[in-house]
PDB file of N, CA and C in Angstrom:
ATOM      1  N   MET A   1      22.679 115.073 259.683  1.00  0.00           N
ATOM      2  CA  MET A   1      23.156 116.434 259.698  1.00  0.00           C
ATOM      3  C   MET A   1      22.780 117.065 261.032  1.00  0.00           C
ATOM      4  N   GLN A   2      23.642 117.921 261.470  1.00  0.00           N
ATOM      5  CA  GLN A   2      23.411 118.561 262.749  1.00  0.00           C
ATOM      6  C   GLN A   2      22.939 119.988 262.534  1.00  0.00           C
ATOM      7  N   GLY A   3      22.417 120.573 263.574  1.00  0.00           N
ATOM      8  CA  GLY A   3      22.036 121.975 263.524  1.00  0.00           C
ATOM      9  C   GLY A   3      20.571 122.175 263.207  1.00  0.00           C
ATOM     10  N   ASP A   4      20.196 123.433 263.176  1.00  0.00           N
ATOM     11  CA  ASP A   4      18.824 123.838 262.931  1.00  0.00           C
ATOM     12  C   ASP A   4      18.423 123.502 261.495  1.00  0.00           C
ATOM     13  N   PRO A   5      17.383 122.649 261.299  1.00  0.00           N
ATOM     14  CA  PRO A   5      16.971 122.266 259.943  1.00  0.00           C
ATOM     15  C   PRO A   5      16.587 123.450 259.061  1.00  0.00           C
ATOM     16  N   SER A   6      16.107 124.548 259.646  1.00  0.00           N
ATOM     17  CA  SER A   6      15.698 125.692 258.828  1.00  0.00           C
ATOM     18  C   SER A   6      16.892 126.421 258.216  1.00  0.00           C
ATOM     19  N   LEU A   7      18.110 126.136 258.688  1.00  0.00           N
ATOM     20  CA  LEU A   7      19.297 126.797 258.165  1.00  0.00           C
ATOM     21  C   LEU A   7      20.017 125.962 257.111  1.00  0.00           C
ATOM     22  N   ARG A   8      19.513 124.778 256.811  1.00  0.00           N
ATOM     23  CA  ARG A   8      20.156 123.891 255.841  1.00  0.00           C
ATOM     24  C   ARG A   8      19.852 124.336 254.411  1.00  0.00           C
ATOM     25  N   PRO A   9      20.825 124.144 253.506  1.00  0.00           N
ATOM     26  CA  PRO A   9      20.541 124.432 252.096  1.00  0.00           C
ATOM     27  C   PRO A   9      19.467 123.473 251.563  1.00  0.00           C
ATOM     28  N   VAL A  10      18.777 123.874 250.524  1.00  0.00           N
ATOM     29  CA  VAL A  10      17.679 123.088 249.960  1.00  0.00           C
ATOM     30  C   VAL A  10      18.079 121.654 249.614  1.00  0.00           C
ATOM     31  N   PRO A  11      19.220 121.399 248.917  1.00  0.00           N
ATOM     32  CA  PRO A  11      19.555 120.005 248.599  1.00  0.00           C
ATOM     33  C   PRO A  11      19.773 119.146 249.845  1.00  0.00           C
ATOM     34  N   VAL A  12      20.338 119.725 250.892  1.00  0.00           N
ATOM     35  CA  VAL A  12      20.566 118.977 252.130  1.00  0.00           C
ATOM     36  C   VAL A  12      19.229 118.647 252.783  1.00  0.00           C
ATOM     37  N   THR A  13      18.320 119.612 252.803  1.00  0.00           N
ATOM     38  CA  THR A  13      16.995 119.380 253.369  1.00  0.00           C
ATOM     39  C   THR A  13      16.253 118.316 252.570  1.00  0.00           C
ATOM     40  N   TRP A  14      16.341 118.378 251.249  1.00  0.00           N
ATOM     41  CA  TRP A  14      15.699 117.389 250.381  1.00  0.00           C
ATOM     42  C   TRP A  14      16.213 115.996 250.713  1.00  0.00           C
ATOM     43  N   ALA A  15      17.529 115.847 250.817  1.00  0.00           N
ATOM     44  CA  ALA A  15      18.132 114.545 251.104  1.00  0.00           C
ATOM     45  C   ALA A  15      17.722 114.057 252.494  1.00  0.00           C
ATOM     46  N   TYR A  16      17.750 114.947 253.468  1.00  0.00           N
ATOM     47  CA  TYR A  16      17.416 114.591 254.848  1.00  0.00           C
ATOM     48  C   TYR A  16      15.980 114.068 254.940  1.00  0.00           C
ATOM     49  N   LYS A  17      15.046 114.747 254.272  1.00  0.00           N
ATOM     50  CA  LYS A  17      13.636 114.345 254.324  1.00  0.00           C
ATOM     51  C   LYS A  17      13.405 112.982 253.680  1.00  0.00           C
ATOM     52  N   ARG A  18      14.259 112.598 252.744  1.00  0.00           N
ATOM     53  CA  ARG A  18      14.105 111.328 252.037  1.00  0.00           C
ATOM     54  C   ARG A  18      14.998 110.220 252.583  1.00  0.00           C
ATOM     55  N   GLY A  19      15.675 110.507 253.682  1.00  0.00           N
ATOM     56  CA  GLY A  19      16.508 109.495 254.314  1.00  0.00           C
ATOM     57  C   GLY A  19      17.807 109.207 253.589  1.00  0.00           C
ATOM     58  N   VAL A  20      18.241 110.135 252.741  1.00  0.00           N
ATOM     59  CA  VAL A  20      19.502 109.959 252.028  1.00  0.00           C
ATOM     60  C   VAL A  20      20.632 110.355 252.959  1.00  0.00           C
ATOM     61  N   LYS A  21      21.591 109.450 253.144  1.00  0.00           N
ATOM     62  CA  LYS A  21      22.730 109.739 254.003  1.00  0.00           C
ATOM     63  C   LYS A  21      23.804 110.433 253.172  1.00  0.00           C
ATOM     64  N   LEU A  22      24.145 111.646 253.543  1.00  0.00           N
ATOM     65  CA  LEU A  22      25.183 112.383 252.839  1.00  0.00           C
ATOM     66  C   LEU A  22      26.532 112.059 253.470  1.00  0.00           C
ATOM     67  N   GLN A  23      27.504 111.785 252.647  1.00  0.00           N
ATOM     68  CA  GLN A  23      28.853 111.532 253.130  1.00  0.00           C
ATOM     69  C   GLN A  23      29.699 112.730 252.730  1.00  0.00           C
ATOM     70  N   LEU A  24      29.978 113.557 253.684  1.00  0.00           N
ATOM     71  CA  LEU A  24      30.690 114.795 253.428  1.00  0.00           C
ATOM     72  C   LEU A  24      32.167 114.634 253.756  1.00  0.00           C
ATOM     73  N   ILE A  25      32.981 115.436 253.137  1.00  0.00           N
ATOM     74  CA  ILE A  25      34.405 115.457 253.431  1.00  0.00           C
ATOM     75  C   ILE A  25      34.569 116.089 254.809  1.00  0.00           C
ATOM     76  N   GLU A  26      35.358 115.446 255.651  1.00  0.00           N
ATOM     77  CA  GLU A  26      35.596 115.981 256.985  1.00  0.00           C
ATOM     78  C   GLU A  26      36.376 117.283 256.878  1.00  0.00           C
ATOM     79  N   PRO A  27      36.069 118.243 257.752  1.00  0.00           N
ATOM     80  CA  PRO A  27      36.806 119.510 257.731  1.00  0.00           C
ATOM     81  C   PRO A  27      38.309 119.265 257.865  1.00  0.00           C
ATOM     82  N   GLY A  28      39.082 119.919 257.011  1.00  0.00           N
ATOM     83  CA  GLY A  28      40.529 119.792 257.062  1.00  0.00           C
ATOM     84  C   GLY A  28      41.077 118.545 256.400  1.00  0.00           C
ATOM     85  N   LYS A  29      40.232 117.776 255.693  1.00  0.00           N
ATOM     86  CA  LYS A  29      40.688 116.548 255.040  1.00  0.00           C
ATOM     87  C   LYS A  29      40.255 116.520 253.570  1.00  0.00           C
ATOM     88  N   PRO A  30      40.749 117.469 252.759  1.00  0.00           N
ATOM     89  CA  PRO A  30      40.325 117.519 251.360  1.00  0.00           C
ATOM     90  C   PRO A  30      40.758 116.297 250.553  1.00  0.00           C
ATOM     91  N   MET A  31      41.769 115.566 251.002  1.00  0.00           N
ATOM     92  CA  MET A  31      42.230 114.411 250.229  1.00  0.00           C
ATOM     93  C   MET A  31      41.263 113.238 250.309  1.00  0.00           C
ATOM     94  N   GLN A  32      40.179 113.364 251.060  1.00  0.00           N
ATOM     95  CA  GLN A  32      39.154 112.325 251.026  1.00  0.00           C
ATOM     96  C   GLN A  32      38.472 112.306 249.663  1.00  0.00           C
ATOM     97  N   ASN A  33      38.654 113.357 248.892  1.00  0.00           N
ATOM     98  CA  ASN A  33      38.143 113.421 247.528  1.00  0.00           C
ATOM     99  C   ASN A  33      39.180 114.148 246.679  1.00  0.00           C
ATOM    100  N   GLY A  34      40.374 113.565 246.593  1.00  0.00           N
ATOM    101  CA  GLY A  34      41.507 114.214 245.956  1.00  0.00           C
ATOM    102  C   GLY A  34      41.332 114.538 244.494  1.00  0.00           C
ATOM    103  N   PHE A  35      40.615 113.682 243.745  1.00  0.00           N
ATOM    104  CA  PHE A  35      40.454 113.938 242.314  1.00  0.00           C
ATOM    105  C   PHE A  35      39.696 115.235 242.065  1.00  0.00           C
ATOM    106  N   ILE A  36      38.579 115.419 242.761  1.00  0.00           N
ATOM    107  CA  ILE A  36      37.797 116.641 242.529  1.00  0.00           C
ATOM    108  C   ILE A  36      38.515 117.856 243.103  1.00  0.00           C
ATOM    109  N   GLU A  37      39.248 117.679 244.202  1.00  0.00           N
ATOM    110  CA  GLU A  37      40.008 118.793 244.754  1.00  0.00           C
ATOM    111  C   GLU A  37      41.069 119.242 243.750  1.00  0.00           C
ATOM    112  N   SER A  38      41.708 118.288 243.082  1.00  0.00           N
ATOM    113  CA  SER A  38      42.711 118.610 242.076  1.00  0.00           C
ATOM    114  C   SER A  38      42.066 119.353 240.907  1.00  0.00           C
ATOM    115  N   PHE A  39      40.932 118.834 240.419  1.00  0.00           N
ATOM    116  CA  PHE A  39      40.241 119.504 239.312  1.00  0.00           C
ATOM    117  C   PHE A  39      39.788 120.899 239.718  1.00  0.00           C
ATOM    118  N   ASN A  40      39.208 121.024 240.925  1.00  0.00           N
ATOM    119  CA  ASN A  40      38.728 122.332 241.377  1.00  0.00           C
ATOM    120  C   ASN A  40      39.858 123.354 241.383  1.00  0.00           C
ATOM    121  N   GLY A  41      41.049 122.926 241.823  1.00  0.00           N
ATOM    122  CA  GLY A  41      42.194 123.828 241.832  1.00  0.00           C
ATOM    123  C   GLY A  41      42.581 124.261 240.435  1.00  0.00           C
ATOM    124  N   LYS A  42      42.584 123.320 239.494  1.00  0.00           N
ATOM    125  CA  LYS A  42      42.922 123.654 238.106  1.00  0.00           C
ATOM    126  C   LYS A  42      41.862 124.576 237.489  1.00  0.00           C
ATOM    127  N   PHE A  43      40.587 124.257 237.738  1.00  0.00           N
ATOM    128  CA  PHE A  43      39.501 125.068 237.185  1.00  0.00           C
ATOM    129  C   PHE A  43      39.549 126.488 237.759  1.00  0.00           C
ATOM    130  N   ARG A  44      39.794 126.581 239.056  1.00  0.00           N
ATOM    131  CA  ARG A  44      39.880 127.893 239.697  1.00  0.00           C
ATOM    132  C   ARG A  44      41.078 128.668 239.147  1.00  0.00           C
ATOM    133  N   GLY A  45      42.250 128.009 239.102  1.00  0.00           N
ATOM    134  CA  GLY A  45      43.473 128.697 238.712  1.00  0.00           C
ATOM    135  C   GLY A  45      43.575 129.026 237.236  1.00  0.00           C
ATOM    136  N   LYS A  46      43.062 128.155 236.374  1.00  0.00           N
ATOM    137  CA  LYS A  46      43.241 128.339 234.936  1.00  0.00           C
ATOM    138  C   LYS A  46      42.001 128.863 234.219  1.00  0.00           C
ATOM    139  N   CYS A  47      40.885 128.989 234.933  1.00  0.00           N
ATOM    140  CA  CYS A  47      39.673 129.492 234.286  1.00  0.00           C
ATOM    141  C   CYS A  47      39.044 130.632 235.097  1.00  0.00           C
ATOM    142  N   LEU A  48      38.605 130.322 236.299  1.00  0.00           N
ATOM    143  CA  LEU A  48      37.851 131.315 237.070  1.00  0.00           C
ATOM    144  C   LEU A  48      38.682 132.543 237.429  1.00  0.00           C
ATOM    145  N   ASN A  49      39.918 132.330 237.896  1.00  0.00           N
ATOM    146  CA  ASN A  49      40.750 133.465 238.313  1.00  0.00           C
ATOM    147  C   ASN A  49      41.242 134.303 237.140  1.00  0.00           C
ATOM    148  N   LEU A  50      41.233 133.747 235.938  1.00  0.00           N
ATOM    149  CA  LEU A  50      41.747 134.453 234.773  1.00  0.00           C
ATOM    150  C   LEU A  50      40.654 135.090 233.930  1.00  0.00           C
ATOM    151  N   SER A  51      39.410 134.880 234.301  1.00  0.00           N
ATOM    152  CA  SER A  51      38.299 135.312 233.458  1.00  0.00           C
ATOM    153  C   SER A  51      37.467 136.391 234.137  1.00  0.00           C
ATOM    154  N   TYR A  52      36.941 137.278 233.310  1.00  0.00           N
ATOM    155  CA  TYR A  52      35.990 138.282 233.760  1.00  0.00           C
ATOM    156  C   TYR A  52      34.672 137.950 233.074  1.00  0.00           C
ATOM    157  N   PHE A  53      33.644 137.660 233.858  1.00  0.00           N
ATOM    158  CA  PHE A  53      32.365 137.233 233.314  1.00  0.00           C
ATOM    159  C   PHE A  53      31.421 138.416 233.184  1.00  0.00           C
ATOM    160  N   LEU A  54      30.870 138.583 232.001  1.00  0.00           N
ATOM    161  CA  LEU A  54      29.924 139.670 231.756  1.00  0.00           C
ATOM    162  C   LEU A  54      28.504 139.297 232.174  1.00  0.00           C
ATOM    163  N   GLY A  55      28.274 138.012 232.371  1.00  0.00           N
ATOM    164  CA  GLY A  55      26.954 137.523 232.770  1.00  0.00           C
ATOM    165  C   GLY A  55      26.970 136.007 232.803  1.00  0.00           C
ATOM    166  N   VAL A  56      25.826 135.410 233.088  1.00  0.00           N
ATOM    167  CA  VAL A  56      25.725 133.958 233.196  1.00  0.00           C
ATOM    168  C   VAL A  56      26.030 133.295 231.861  1.00  0.00           C
ATOM    169  N   ARG A  57      25.495 133.841 230.771  1.00  0.00           N
ATOM    170  CA  ARG A  57      25.738 133.259 229.444  1.00  0.00           C
ATOM    171  C   ARG A  57      27.232 133.272 229.119  1.00  0.00           C
ATOM    172  N   ASP A  58      27.904 134.357 229.439  1.00  0.00           N
ATOM    173  CA  ASP A  58      29.345 134.468 229.203  1.00  0.00           C
ATOM    174  C   ASP A  58      30.106 133.459 230.076  1.00  0.00           C
ATOM    175  N   ALA A  59      29.707 133.312 231.326  1.00  0.00           N
ATOM    176  CA  ALA A  59      30.360 132.347 232.220  1.00  0.00           C
ATOM    177  C   ALA A  59      30.205 130.924 231.689  1.00  0.00           C
ATOM    178  N   LYS A  60      29.024 130.591 231.190  1.00  0.00           N
ATOM    179  CA  LYS A  60      28.803 129.255 230.620  1.00  0.00           C
ATOM    180  C   LYS A  60      29.684 129.031 229.399  1.00  0.00           C
ATOM    181  N   ALA A  61      29.810 130.027 228.548  1.00  0.00           N
ATOM    182  CA  ALA A  61      30.633 129.901 227.343  1.00  0.00           C
ATOM    183  C   ALA A  61      32.104 129.701 227.712  1.00  0.00           C
ATOM    184  N   ILE A  62      32.588 130.460 228.679  1.00  0.00           N
ATOM    185  CA  ILE A  62      33.984 130.342 229.099  1.00  0.00           C
ATOM    186  C   ILE A  62      34.229 128.985 229.753  1.00  0.00           C
ATOM    187  N   ALA A  63      33.301 128.530 230.606  1.00  0.00           N
ATOM    188  CA  ALA A  63      33.443 127.221 231.258  1.00  0.00           C
ATOM    189  C   ALA A  63      33.381 126.089 230.233  1.00  0.00           C
ATOM    190  N   THR A  64      32.530 126.232 229.212  1.00  0.00           N
ATOM    191  CA  THR A  64      32.433 125.216 228.157  1.00  0.00           C
ATOM    192  C   THR A  64      33.734 125.143 227.362  1.00  0.00           C
ATOM    193  N   ALA A  65      34.318 126.281 227.065  1.00  0.00           N
ATOM    194  CA  ALA A  65      35.592 126.303 226.343  1.00  0.00           C
ATOM    195  C   ALA A  65      36.691 125.661 227.195  1.00  0.00           C
ATOM    196  N   PHE A  66      36.696 125.957 228.497  1.00  0.00           N
ATOM    197  CA  PHE A  66      37.679 125.340 229.390  1.00  0.00           C
ATOM    198  C   PHE A  66      37.491 123.829 229.423  1.00  0.00           C
ATOM    199  N   ARG A  67      36.241 123.370 229.531  1.00  0.00           N
ATOM    200  CA  ARG A  67      35.961 121.929 229.582  1.00  0.00           C
ATOM    201  C   ARG A  67      36.438 121.236 228.299  1.00  0.00           C
ATOM    202  N   HIS A  68      36.193 121.867 227.159  1.00  0.00           N
ATOM    203  CA  HIS A  68      36.656 121.286 225.893  1.00  0.00           C
ATOM    204  C   HIS A  68      38.184 121.179 225.887  1.00  0.00           C
ATOM    205  N   ASP A  69      38.852 122.246 226.280  1.00  0.00           N
ATOM    206  CA  ASP A  69      40.312 122.231 226.328  1.00  0.00           C
ATOM    207  C   ASP A  69      40.809 121.170 227.310  1.00  0.00           C
ATOM    208  N   TYR A  70      40.198 121.080 228.484  1.00  0.00           N
ATOM    209  CA  TYR A  70      40.604 120.127 229.523  1.00  0.00           C
ATOM    210  C   TYR A  70      40.431 118.685 229.046  1.00  0.00           C
ATOM    211  N   ASN A  71      39.359 118.418 228.312  1.00  0.00           N
ATOM    212  CA  ASN A  71      39.065 117.047 227.874  1.00  0.00           C
ATOM    213  C   ASN A  71      39.704 116.658 226.554  1.00  0.00           C
ATOM    214  N   ASN A  72      39.934 117.610 225.663  1.00  0.00           N
ATOM    215  CA  ASN A  72      40.331 117.270 224.306  1.00  0.00           C
ATOM    216  C   ASN A  72      41.676 117.814 223.853  1.00  0.00           C
ATOM    217  N   VAL A  73      42.254 118.750 224.578  1.00  0.00           N
ATOM    218  CA  VAL A  73      43.496 119.377 224.138  1.00  0.00           C
ATOM    219  C   VAL A  73      44.633 119.131 225.136  1.00  0.00           C
ATOM    220  N   ARG A  74      44.362 119.344 226.400  1.00  0.00           N
ATOM    221  CA  ARG A  74      45.386 119.308 227.440  1.00  0.00           C
ATOM    222  C   ARG A  74      45.705 117.881 227.875  1.00  0.00           C
ATOM    223  N   PRO A  75      46.959 117.419 227.699  1.00  0.00           N
ATOM    224  CA  PRO A  75      47.309 116.079 228.182  1.00  0.00           C
ATOM    225  C   PRO A  75      47.396 116.054 229.717  1.00  0.00           C
ATOM    226  N   HIS A  76      47.088 114.924 230.296  1.00  0.00           N
ATOM    227  CA  HIS A  76      47.100 114.748 231.747  1.00  0.00           C
ATOM    228  C   HIS A  76      48.174 113.739 232.118  1.00  0.00           C
ATOM    229  N   SER A  77      49.035 114.101 233.035  1.00  0.00           N
ATOM    230  CA  SER A  77      50.107 113.183 233.441  1.00  0.00           C
ATOM    231  C   SER A  77      49.541 111.902 234.043  1.00  0.00           C
ATOM    232  N   SER A  78      48.415 111.996 234.736  1.00  0.00           N
ATOM    233  CA  SER A  78      47.808 110.809 235.345  1.00  0.00           C
ATOM    234  C   SER A  78      47.227 109.849 234.310  1.00  0.00           C
ATOM    235  N   LEU A  79      47.073 110.309 233.075  1.00  0.00           N
ATOM    236  CA  LEU A  79      46.557 109.472 231.984  1.00  0.00           C
ATOM    237  C   LEU A  79      47.660 109.168 230.975  1.00  0.00           C
ATOM    238  N   LYS A  80      48.893 109.068 231.453  1.00  0.00           N
ATOM    239  CA  LYS A  80      50.058 108.786 230.597  1.00  0.00           C
ATOM    240  C   LYS A  80      50.190 109.836 229.494  1.00  0.00           C
ATOM    241  N   TYR A  81      49.951 111.075 229.862  1.00  0.00           N
ATOM    242  CA  TYR A  81      50.068 112.231 228.982  1.00  0.00           C
ATOM    243  C   TYR A  81      49.150 112.161 227.765  1.00  0.00           C
ATOM    244  N   MET A  82      47.981 111.563 227.962  1.00  0.00           N
ATOM    245  CA  MET A  82      46.924 111.597 226.945  1.00  0.00           C
ATOM    246  C   MET A  82      45.856 112.559 227.436  1.00  0.00           C
ATOM    247  N   THR A  83      45.045 113.051 226.517  1.00  0.00           N
ATOM    248  CA  THR A  83      43.876 113.825 226.929  1.00  0.00           C
ATOM    249  C   THR A  83      42.823 112.828 227.428  1.00  0.00           C
ATOM    250  N   PRO A  84      41.846 113.266 228.226  1.00  0.00           N
ATOM    251  CA  PRO A  84      40.790 112.340 228.627  1.00  0.00           C
ATOM    252  C   PRO A  84      40.079 111.700 227.434  1.00  0.00           C
ATOM    253  N   ALA A  85      39.891 112.439 226.339  1.00  0.00           N
ATOM    254  CA  ALA A  85      39.232 111.869 225.157  1.00  0.00           C
ATOM    255  C   ALA A  85      40.094 110.771 224.539  1.00  0.00           C
ATOM    256  N   GLU A  86      41.411 110.993 224.453  1.00  0.00           N
ATOM    257  CA  GLU A  86      42.306 109.970 223.916  1.00  0.00           C
ATOM    258  C   GLU A  86      42.346 108.749 224.828  1.00  0.00           C
ATOM    259  N   PHE A  87      42.379 109.000 226.129  1.00  0.00           N
ATOM    260  CA  PHE A  87      42.398 107.918 227.100  1.00  0.00           C
ATOM    261  C   PHE A  87      41.130 107.083 226.980  1.00  0.00           C
ATOM    262  N   ALA A  88      39.983 107.753 226.886  1.00  0.00           N
ATOM    263  CA  ALA A  88      38.712 107.044 226.765  1.00  0.00           C
ATOM    264  C   ALA A  88      38.688 106.192 225.504  1.00  0.00           C
ATOM    265  N   ALA A  89      39.180 106.748 224.408  1.00  0.00           N
ATOM    266  CA  ALA A  89      39.208 105.985 223.157  1.00  0.00           C
ATOM    267  C   ALA A  89      40.129 104.776 223.275  1.00  0.00           C
ATOM    268  N   ALA A  90      41.220 104.903 224.040  1.00  0.00           N
ATOM    269  CA  ALA A  90      42.182 103.809 224.175  1.00  0.00           C
ATOM    270  C   ALA A  90      41.645 102.648 225.003  1.00  0.00           C
ATOM    271  N   VAL A  91      40.683 102.904 225.870  1.00  0.00           N
ATOM    272  CA  VAL A  91      40.197 101.829 226.745  1.00  0.00           C
ATOM    273  C   VAL A  91      38.832 101.280 226.333  1.00  0.00           C
ATOM    274  N   VAL A  92      38.299 101.751 225.200  1.00  0.00           N
ATOM    275  CA  VAL A  92      37.015 101.226 224.743  1.00  0.00           C
ATOM    276  C   VAL A  92      37.139  99.721 224.522  1.00  0.00           C
ATOM    277  N   ASN A  93      36.224  98.973 225.129  1.00  0.00           N
ATOM    278  CA  ASN A  93      36.197  97.506 225.034  1.00  0.00           C
ATOM    279  C   ASN A  93      37.510  96.847 225.447  1.00  0.00           C
ATOM    280  N   ASP A  94      38.184  97.422 226.387  1.00  0.00           N
ATOM    281  CA  ASP A  94      39.431  96.878 226.884  1.00  0.00           C
ATOM    282  C   ASP A  94      39.402  96.937 228.400  1.00  0.00           C
ATOM    283  N   PHE A  95      40.440  96.410 229.026  1.00  0.00           N
ATOM    284  CA  PHE A  95      40.552  96.493 230.473  1.00  0.00           C
ATOM    285  C   PHE A  95      40.614  97.955 230.855  1.00  0.00           C
ATOM    286  N   SER A  96      39.767  98.364 231.753  1.00  0.00           N
ATOM    287  CA  SER A  96      39.699  99.754 232.154  1.00  0.00           C
ATOM    288  C   SER A  96      40.492  99.990 233.426  1.00  0.00           C
ATOM    289  N   PRO A  97      41.394 100.976 233.439  1.00  0.00           N
ATOM    290  CA  PRO A  97      42.093 101.314 234.670  1.00  0.00           C
ATOM    291  C   PRO A  97      41.168 101.959 235.695  1.00  0.00           C
ATOM    292  N   LEU A  98      39.932 102.231 235.303  1.00  0.00           N
ATOM    293  CA  LEU A  98      38.962 102.813 236.231  1.00  0.00           C
ATOM    294  C   LEU A  98      38.276 101.703 237.012  1.00  0.00           C
ATOM    295  N   GLY A  99      39.027 100.876 237.696  1.00  0.00           N
ATOM    296  CA  GLY A  99      38.443  99.830 238.526  1.00  0.00           C
ATOM    297  C   GLY A  99      38.520  98.453 237.915  1.00  0.00           C
ATOM    298  N   GLY A 100      39.217  98.295 236.804  1.00  0.00           N
ATOM    299  CA  GLY A 100      39.378  96.985 236.206  1.00  0.00           C
ATOM    300  C   GLY A 100      38.129  96.441 235.541  1.00  0.00           C
ATOM    301  N   LEU A 101      37.190  97.294 235.188  1.00  0.00           N
ATOM    302  CA  LEU A 101      35.953  96.852 234.557  1.00  0.00           C
ATOM    303  C   LEU A 101      36.127  96.734 233.060  1.00  0.00           C
ATOM    304  N   LYS A 102      35.472  95.754 232.470  1.00  0.00           N
ATOM    305  CA  LYS A 102      35.422  95.713 231.012  1.00  0.00           C
ATOM    306  C   LYS A 102      34.178  96.470 230.596  1.00  0.00           C
ATOM    307  N   GLY A 103      34.263  97.176 229.519  1.00  0.00           N
ATOM    308  CA  GLY A 103      33.108  97.913 229.044  1.00  0.00           C
ATOM    309  C   GLY A 103      33.562  99.105 228.247  1.00  0.00           C
ATOM    310  N   GLU A 104      32.642  99.781 227.662  1.00  0.00           N
ATOM    311  CA  GLU A 104      32.965 100.918 226.826  1.00  0.00           C
ATOM    312  C   GLU A 104      33.037 102.161 227.692  1.00  0.00           C
ATOM    313  N   VAL A 105      34.069 102.924 227.503  1.00  0.00           N
ATOM    314  CA  VAL A 105      34.236 104.190 228.207  1.00  0.00           C
ATOM    315  C   VAL A 105      34.281 105.261 227.132  1.00  0.00           C
ATOM    316  N   LYS A 106      33.568 106.341 227.335  1.00  0.00           N
ATOM    317  CA  LYS A 106      33.629 107.405 226.335  1.00  0.00           C
ATOM    318  C   LYS A 106      33.696 108.757 227.021  1.00  0.00           C
ATOM    319  N   ALA A 107      34.221 109.710 226.314  1.00  0.00           N
ATOM    320  CA  ALA A 107      34.276 111.068 226.827  1.00  0.00           C
ATOM    321  C   ALA A 107      32.865 111.630 226.845  1.00  0.00           C
ATOM    322  N   LEU A 108      32.574 112.411 227.847  1.00  0.00           N
ATOM    323  CA  LEU A 108      31.244 112.987 227.983  1.00  0.00           C
ATOM    324  C   LEU A 108      31.344 114.486 227.797  1.00  0.00           C
ATOM    325  N   GLU A 109      30.738 114.992 226.768  1.00  0.00           N
ATOM    326  CA  GLU A 109      30.649 116.429 226.555  1.00  0.00           C
ATOM    327  C   GLU A 109      29.214 116.829 226.850  1.00  0.00           C
ATOM    328  N   THR A 110      29.039 117.720 227.787  1.00  0.00           N
ATOM    329  CA  THR A 110      27.693 118.136 228.156  1.00  0.00           C
ATOM    330  C   THR A 110      27.710 119.585 228.591  1.00  0.00           C
ATOM    331  N   ASP A 111      26.591 120.240 228.452  1.00  0.00           N
ATOM    332  CA  ASP A 111      26.464 121.615 228.930  1.00  0.00           C
ATOM    333  C   ASP A 111      25.930 121.661 230.348  1.00  0.00           C
ATOM    334  N   ARG A 112      25.600 120.501 230.904  1.00  0.00           N
ATOM    335  CA  ARG A 112      25.094 120.471 232.265  1.00  0.00           C
ATOM    336  C   ARG A 112      26.249 120.613 233.237  1.00  0.00           C
ATOM    337  N   PRO A 113      26.157 121.551 234.204  1.00  0.00           N
ATOM    338  CA  PRO A 113      27.240 121.727 235.165  1.00  0.00           C
ATOM    339  C   PRO A 113      27.326 120.544 236.122  1.00  0.00           C
ATOM    340  N   ASN A 114      28.492 120.376 236.732  1.00  0.00           N
ATOM    341  CA  ASN A 114      28.725 119.355 237.753  1.00  0.00           C
ATOM    342  C   ASN A 114      28.523 117.943 237.242  1.00  0.00           C
ATOM    343  N   GLN A 115      28.779 117.717 235.976  1.00  0.00           N
ATOM    344  CA  GLN A 115      28.651 116.372 235.435  1.00  0.00           C
ATOM    345  C   GLN A 115      30.043 115.890 235.073  1.00  0.00           C
ATOM    346  N   GLY A 116      30.310 114.611 235.263  1.00  0.00           N
ATOM    347  CA  GLY A 116      31.632 114.060 235.052  1.00  0.00           C
ATOM    348  C   GLY A 116      32.103 114.181 233.617  1.00  0.00           C
ATOM    349  N   TRP A 117      33.393 114.056 233.419  1.00  0.00           N
ATOM    350  CA  TRP A 117      33.957 114.165 232.087  1.00  0.00           C
ATOM    351  C   TRP A 117      34.131 112.804 231.438  1.00  0.00           C
ATOM    352  N   LEU A 118      34.244 111.765 232.220  1.00  0.00           N
ATOM    353  CA  LEU A 118      34.297 110.411 231.656  1.00  0.00           C
ATOM    354  C   LEU A 118      33.141 109.625 232.240  1.00  0.00           C
ATOM    355  N   THR A 119      32.583 108.768 231.445  1.00  0.00           N
ATOM    356  CA  THR A 119      31.474 107.956 231.947  1.00  0.00           C
ATOM    357  C   THR A 119      31.609 106.543 231.423  1.00  0.00           C
ATOM    358  N   LEU A 120      31.236 105.578 232.236  1.00  0.00           N
ATOM    359  CA  LEU A 120      31.169 104.195 231.784  1.00  0.00           C
ATOM    360  C   LEU A 120      29.799 103.952 231.220  1.00  0.00           C
ATOM    361  N   ILE A 121      29.718 103.249 230.096  1.00  0.00           N
ATOM    362  CA  ILE A 121      28.402 102.920 229.559  1.00  0.00           C
ATOM    363  C   ILE A 121      28.186 101.431 229.669  1.00  0.00           C
TER     364      ILE A 121
END
């Protein structure tokens, strides 16, 4: 990382001190991480921009409801118009389109922010 170390955010400083190499998206190249950019746009457009938060607890409740809808109700064209939960159930112990791995895939419901919606076990 470049620049004055005292101006770095805490997670960046933590990583730097431990020799962790951060791989950041280059400025102007959001497609280096297209999946999360797509999700961020949907989350911003269909949840954050449409909601008025009364506090942190209210924001968590609204985000949790959005996550449930996104994973269990809303079909995704990239998953052959299945919900992520249906897709995960369809690939349990089968060939996984997530890299051709065999193994169990399940939907992940969690209250922890910034955690993936599908996980390989």
